[in-house]
Amino acid sequence: MSRFRAGNGRLAAPRGALWLGIVGLAITTAIGLLSVHFSEFTKQSFEFDRWLNSLNSPVALRVSDILDWIDRPVVVAIILLVGGIIISFWRGWLPGIGFMVVAGVGWLMIAGVKEIVREERPIPFIATTGEHSPSYPSGHTVFVMTLLMAVWAVTYASKWRWPLVAILAVLTVATGFSRLYLGLHYPADVIGGVIGGFSSALLVIGVWNLFFVGRGGRYSAR
């Protein structure tokens, strides 16, 4: 248990992360409101979903079905808990908690944007696929993006940082395309999910560094 240490509590972040996060969330909300306002254009963009689905790929369908689970509360909780435990033993329990807070709270914050925009979902291609929350932004894409940001924030100076970020970047793209393949979102929902996940995570990182660490250097030491 000697390796189970506190670690460095400061999370890696660009200067002004809190304000960048606020501006990013404002932009995310604005994109959503414009998407609703110009609803005819948004509906026409659904043709991209139809084109993707027309590829009729069994592999894409299987991957999409698997990724559909990534936004379920139980799955989210398991991912956060397992990731937090791994990071706690690897980097320290403070980075472990930071990882869970950034990814979890960042994901939950997007519910506010969803309620402000209140975009109706398109009719999915698979009738058994049930989604009832507002369409914009894509919560699945948001969650994977907050995971990416959380890993990036807690792995500064580690040789595994960029390989892990690259893997999560691929997962983010795959998740976004899977939502379109199933016809569960408009393209703007996925774009908003990427921007929103990035922004909400930055905002949480900024608050974390202010509240737990106070003012200091730009990056964590480890």
Foldseek 3Di string as FASTA:
>chain_A
DVLQAAFFQAWFAAPPLQVQLVVLVVVLLVLLQVCQVVVVVLVVLLVVLVVLLVVVDPVLQVLLVVLVCCLDPVNLVVVLVVQLVVCSSVGHNSLSVQLSCLLVVLLVVCLVSQVSSQADWDCWPDNVDDDDGRAAADSSLLNLLSNLLSLLTRQPPHPCNVVVSVVSVVVSVSNLSSCSNRRGHGNSNSVSSNSSSSSSSSSSSVVSCCPPPNDDDNGTPD
